[in-house]
Amino acid sequence: MVTSAQWVQEFSRRLGVDAPSEQDVATILNLAGVAAHAAERTAAPVACWLAARHGLDPSEALALAQSVHVDDA
């Protein structure tokens, strides 16, 4: 079975970018967790995509996500 680290390494290679560090992976997973627990689970991949599209460092994206509070109307 292929590990997630192996898959990410190969996907990164095909994208022509460096694979994320173990610390970046942990931070990205924390970002996904914050989004998933604050809203529907689908917010997790979308939040990660938005952060990457904006060019945010994973730790910057995590801090921003932790500051998001939406009132339930």
Protein backbone atom coordinates (compact mmCIF):
# COMPACT_ATOMS: atom_id res chain seq x y z
CA MET A 1 0.00 0.00 0.00
CA VAL A 2 1.24 3.47 -0.85
CA THR A 3 1.55 5.84 2.09
CA SER A 4 0.16 9.36 2.02
CA ALA A 5 3.73 10.71 2.17
CA GLN A 6 4.70 8.68 -0.90
CA TRP A 7 1.61 9.80 -2.80
CA VAL A 8 2.18 13.46 -1.91
CA GLN A 9 5.85 13.15 -2.93
CA GLU A 10 4.86 11.80 -6.36
CA PHE A 11 2.05 14.33 -6.82
CA SER A 12 4.46 17.13 -5.92
CA ARG A 13 7.00 15.80 -8.42
CA ARG A 14 4.38 15.78 -11.17
CA LEU A 15 3.37 19.34 -10.26
CA GLY A 16 7.00 20.40 -10.44
CA VAL A 17 7.08 21.67 -6.85
CA ASP A 18 8.81 20.61 -3.65
CA ALA A 19 6.83 18.31 -1.41
CA PRO A 20 5.72 19.89 1.86
CA SER A 21 7.80 19.26 4.97
CA GLU A 22 6.44 17.05 7.74
CA GLN A 23 5.76 20.22 9.76
CA ASP A 24 3.86 21.80 6.83
CA VAL A 25 1.79 18.63 6.43
CA ALA A 26 0.90 18.71 10.13
CA THR A 27 -0.07 22.38 9.88
CA ILE A 28 -2.15 21.79 6.74
CA LEU A 29 -3.97 18.95 8.50
CA ASN A 30 -4.62 21.28 11.44
CA LEU A 31 -6.01 23.88 9.02
CA ALA A 32 -8.30 21.25 7.53
CA GLY A 33 -9.39 20.22 11.01
CA VAL A 34 -10.23 23.78 12.03
CA ALA A 35 -12.34 24.26 8.90
CA ALA A 36 -14.05 20.88 9.21
CA HIS A 37 -14.98 21.41 12.85
CA ALA A 38 -16.15 24.99 12.36
CA ALA A 39 -18.48 24.13 9.48
CA GLU A 40 -19.39 21.22 7.25
CA ARG A 41 -16.52 18.84 6.48
CA THR A 42 -16.39 20.07 2.89
CA ALA A 43 -14.95 23.35 4.20
CA ALA A 44 -11.66 21.53 4.91
CA PRO A 45 -10.42 20.89 1.35
CA VAL A 46 -11.83 24.19 0.13
CA ALA A 47 -10.02 26.11 2.89
CA CYS A 48 -6.75 24.40 1.99
CA TRP A 49 -7.27 25.15 -1.71
CA LEU A 50 -8.07 28.81 -0.96
CA ALA A 51 -4.97 29.17 1.21
CA ALA A 52 -2.77 27.65 -1.49
CA ARG A 53 -4.38 29.73 -4.22
CA HIS A 54 -3.71 32.86 -2.18
CA GLY A 55 -0.11 31.76 -1.64
CA LEU A 56 -0.34 31.65 2.15
CA ASP A 57 2.22 29.79 4.20
CA PRO A 58 0.46 26.93 6.03
CA SER A 59 1.04 28.53 9.44
CA GLU A 60 -0.40 31.85 8.22
CA ALA A 61 -3.42 30.04 6.81
CA LEU A 62 -3.94 28.14 10.06
CA ALA A 63 -3.78 31.32 12.14
CA LEU A 64 -6.27 33.02 9.83
CA ALA A 65 -8.63 30.03 9.93
CA GLN A 66 -8.50 29.99 13.72
CA SER A 67 -9.64 33.62 13.73
CA VAL A 68 -12.72 32.98 11.59
CA HIS A 69 -15.96 33.05 13.54
CA VAL A 70 -19.26 33.07 11.69
CA ASP A 71 -22.42 33.79 13.61
CA ASP A 72 -25.10 31.18 13.09
CA ALA A 73 -28.03 33.25 11.78
